[in-house]
Amino acid sequence: MLFSKLLRVTVMTLLLSAISLGSLAHASSPANDQEKIVAAVRQMFVALGADDTDLFNSVTSKDFYAFDVGNRFTAEALVQLVKNAHASGKVYVWEVTDPEVHIDGNSALITYVNRGSIKDSTGVKEMSWLESAVLRKKNGAWRIHFFHSTRVPLQ
């Protein structure tokens, strides 16, 4: 009887451990991490579109930098560039399409085509950019460390 109870407790403990480990494995699965990486890049664009420095900083690393429009930008400088464009009447629409994510431990590379537009006093101009970002995972969160954008003709 004691052996039977001990066996049941052991089996239940093993089952609960397996379920817990399965849940943890799913929480950090490559597919889940890929979704989080794409979401981080999309959140960066939401932050820039809303001039939301706090949101921008929540998805970028403290040492973030970007190569865009032929220059190197810190996080603060990139946010200010977009704020200035908004102040001059420009409205940007950015859309991450065809993302490819490559993960190596706590580092990741994402490449994608950004299809969007720029609206100003002359109207709306459809745009396309080839973009990439390097992200690092820290404390379970993916943060953008480096961002690069190159404008390309519409295809």
Protein backbone atom coordinates (compact mmCIF):
# COMPACT_ATOMS: atom_id res chain seq x y z
CA MET A 1 0.00 0.00 0.00
CA LEU A 2 2.78 2.43 0.94
CA PHE A 3 4.69 1.44 -2.19
CA SER A 4 1.58 2.05 -4.30
CA LYS A 5 1.09 5.54 -2.84
CA LEU A 6 4.76 6.36 -3.29
CA LEU A 7 4.60 5.18 -6.90
CA ARG A 8 1.53 7.35 -7.59
CA VAL A 9 3.17 10.41 -6.03
CA THR A 10 6.33 9.81 -8.07
CA VAL A 11 4.39 9.36 -11.30
CA MET A 12 2.31 12.48 -10.62
CA THR A 13 5.46 14.49 -9.84
CA LEU A 14 7.06 13.32 -13.09
CA LEU A 15 3.94 14.14 -15.09
CA LEU A 16 3.66 17.61 -13.57
CA SER A 17 7.35 18.21 -14.23
CA ALA A 18 6.96 17.12 -17.84
CA ILE A 19 3.96 19.40 -18.31
CA SER A 20 5.85 22.33 -16.77
CA LEU A 21 8.90 21.70 -18.91
CA GLY A 22 6.70 21.43 -21.99
CA SER A 23 5.13 24.79 -21.17
CA LEU A 24 8.54 26.38 -20.65
CA ALA A 25 9.82 24.91 -23.89
CA HIS A 26 6.84 26.36 -25.72
CA ALA A 27 7.33 29.76 -24.09
CA SER A 28 10.80 30.03 -25.60
CA SER A 29 10.28 27.98 -28.74
CA PRO A 30 11.89 29.25 -31.94
CA ALA A 31 8.49 29.94 -33.51
CA ASN A 32 7.38 31.92 -30.47
CA ASP A 33 10.67 33.84 -30.45
CA GLN A 34 10.27 34.58 -34.16
CA GLU A 35 6.84 36.07 -33.49
CA LYS A 36 8.24 38.17 -30.63
CA ILE A 37 11.05 39.46 -32.85
CA VAL A 38 8.66 40.52 -35.62
CA ALA A 39 6.38 42.08 -32.98
CA ALA A 40 9.31 44.09 -31.54
CA VAL A 41 10.08 45.57 -34.96
CA ARG A 42 6.41 46.38 -35.55
CA GLN A 43 6.23 48.03 -32.11
CA MET A 44 9.24 50.16 -33.03
CA PHE A 45 7.27 51.51 -36.00
CA VAL A 46 4.17 52.07 -33.86
CA ALA A 47 6.34 54.03 -31.42
CA LEU A 48 7.92 56.12 -34.16
CA GLY A 49 4.54 56.78 -35.78
CA ALA A 50 3.14 58.01 -32.46
CA ASP A 51 6.27 59.95 -31.41
CA ASP A 52 6.27 57.67 -28.34
CA THR A 53 9.80 57.70 -26.95
CA ASP A 54 8.91 55.45 -24.00
CA LEU A 55 7.47 52.75 -26.27
CA PHE A 56 10.47 53.08 -28.60
CA ASN A 57 12.86 52.63 -25.66
CA SER A 58 10.89 49.60 -24.46
CA VAL A 59 11.71 47.64 -27.64
CA THR A 60 15.27 48.89 -28.21
CA SER A 61 18.47 48.31 -26.28
CA LYS A 62 20.24 51.05 -24.36
CA ASP A 63 23.02 51.03 -26.97
CA PHE A 64 20.65 51.03 -29.97
CA TYR A 65 21.78 52.67 -33.18
CA ALA A 66 20.50 52.85 -36.73
CA PHE A 67 21.75 53.45 -40.25
CA ASP A 68 19.07 55.32 -42.18
CA VAL A 69 18.93 58.04 -44.84
CA GLY A 70 22.72 57.87 -45.18
CA ASN A 71 23.45 58.59 -41.51
CA ARG A 72 24.09 56.90 -38.19
CA PHE A 73 21.50 57.66 -35.48
CA THR A 74 21.26 56.98 -31.78
CA ALA A 75 17.81 56.10 -30.46
CA GLU A 76 17.23 59.67 -29.36
CA ALA A 77 18.36 61.11 -32.70
CA LEU A 78 16.20 58.71 -34.73
CA VAL A 79 13.10 59.49 -32.69
CA GLN A 80 13.83 63.21 -33.07
CA LEU A 81 14.28 62.85 -36.84
CA VAL A 82 10.82 61.31 -37.15
CA LYS A 83 9.27 63.85 -34.75
CA ASN A 84 10.70 66.67 -36.89
CA ALA A 85 9.28 65.06 -40.04
CA HIS A 86 5.86 64.79 -38.35
CA ALA A 87 6.09 68.44 -37.31
CA SER A 88 6.68 69.39 -40.95
CA GLY A 89 3.47 67.60 -41.94
CA LYS A 90 4.77 64.19 -43.02
CA VAL A 91 2.84 61.07 -42.14
CA TYR A 92 4.55 57.69 -42.47
CA VAL A 93 2.98 54.29 -42.89
CA TRP A 94 5.31 51.34 -42.35
CA GLU A 95 4.48 47.68 -42.81
CA VAL A 96 6.80 44.75 -42.09
CA THR A 97 6.28 42.21 -44.89
CA ASP A 98 8.03 38.98 -45.80
CA PRO A 99 10.04 38.80 -42.56
CA GLU A 100 12.85 36.26 -42.30
CA VAL A 101 14.13 35.64 -38.78
CA HIS A 102 17.37 33.87 -37.91
CA ILE A 103 18.00 33.12 -34.24
CA ASP A 104 21.32 32.11 -32.69
CA GLY A 105 20.90 31.78 -28.93
CA ASN A 106 20.18 35.22 -27.50
CA SER A 107 20.90 37.04 -30.77
CA ALA A 108 18.71 37.32 -33.82
CA LEU A 109 18.70 38.85 -37.27
CA ILE A 110 15.51 39.88 -39.03
CA THR A 111 15.30 40.98 -42.64
CA TYR A 112 12.12 42.14 -44.33
CA VAL A 113 10.59 44.44 -46.91
CA ASN A 114 8.92 47.51 -45.46
CA ARG A 115 6.08 48.49 -47.79
CA GLY A 116 4.42 51.74 -46.88
CA SER A 117 3.98 55.36 -47.78
CA ILE A 118 4.87 58.94 -47.01
CA LYS A 119 2.15 61.56 -47.02
CA ASP A 120 2.90 65.27 -47.19
CA SER A 121 1.33 68.40 -48.64
CA THR A 122 1.84 67.06 -52.19
CA GLY A 123 -0.04 63.82 -51.52
CA VAL A 124 0.72 60.21 -50.72
CA LYS A 125 3.75 58.49 -52.22
CA GLU A 126 3.99 54.70 -52.01
CA MET A 127 7.41 53.62 -50.75
CA SER A 128 9.43 50.48 -50.20
CA TRP A 129 12.50 49.86 -48.05
CA LEU A 130 14.79 46.87 -47.55
CA GLU A 131 15.43 46.64 -43.83
CA SER A 132 17.21 44.55 -41.27
CA ALA A 133 17.65 44.56 -37.53
CA VAL A 134 19.80 42.78 -35.00
CA LEU A 135 18.09 41.93 -31.73
CA ARG A 136 19.31 40.61 -28.38
CA LYS A 137 17.27 38.65 -25.87
CA LYS A 138 17.65 39.83 -22.30
CA ASN A 139 15.50 38.70 -19.39
CA GLY A 140 13.17 36.96 -21.85
CA ALA A 141 12.54 40.09 -23.97
CA TRP A 142 13.84 40.71 -27.48
CA ARG A 143 15.24 44.24 -27.92
CA ILE A 144 16.44 45.85 -31.11
CA HIS A 145 20.15 46.66 -30.96
CA PHE A 146 20.75 47.73 -34.56
CA PHE A 147 18.42 48.81 -37.38
CA HIS A 148 19.24 49.45 -41.03
CA SER A 149 17.00 50.82 -43.77
CA THR A 150 17.61 51.33 -47.47
CA ARG A 151 14.95 52.89 -49.70
CA VAL A 152 14.29 51.00 -52.93
CA PRO A 153 12.10 51.59 -55.96
CA LEU A 154 8.64 50.05 -55.76
CA GLN A 155 8.45 46.64 -57.32
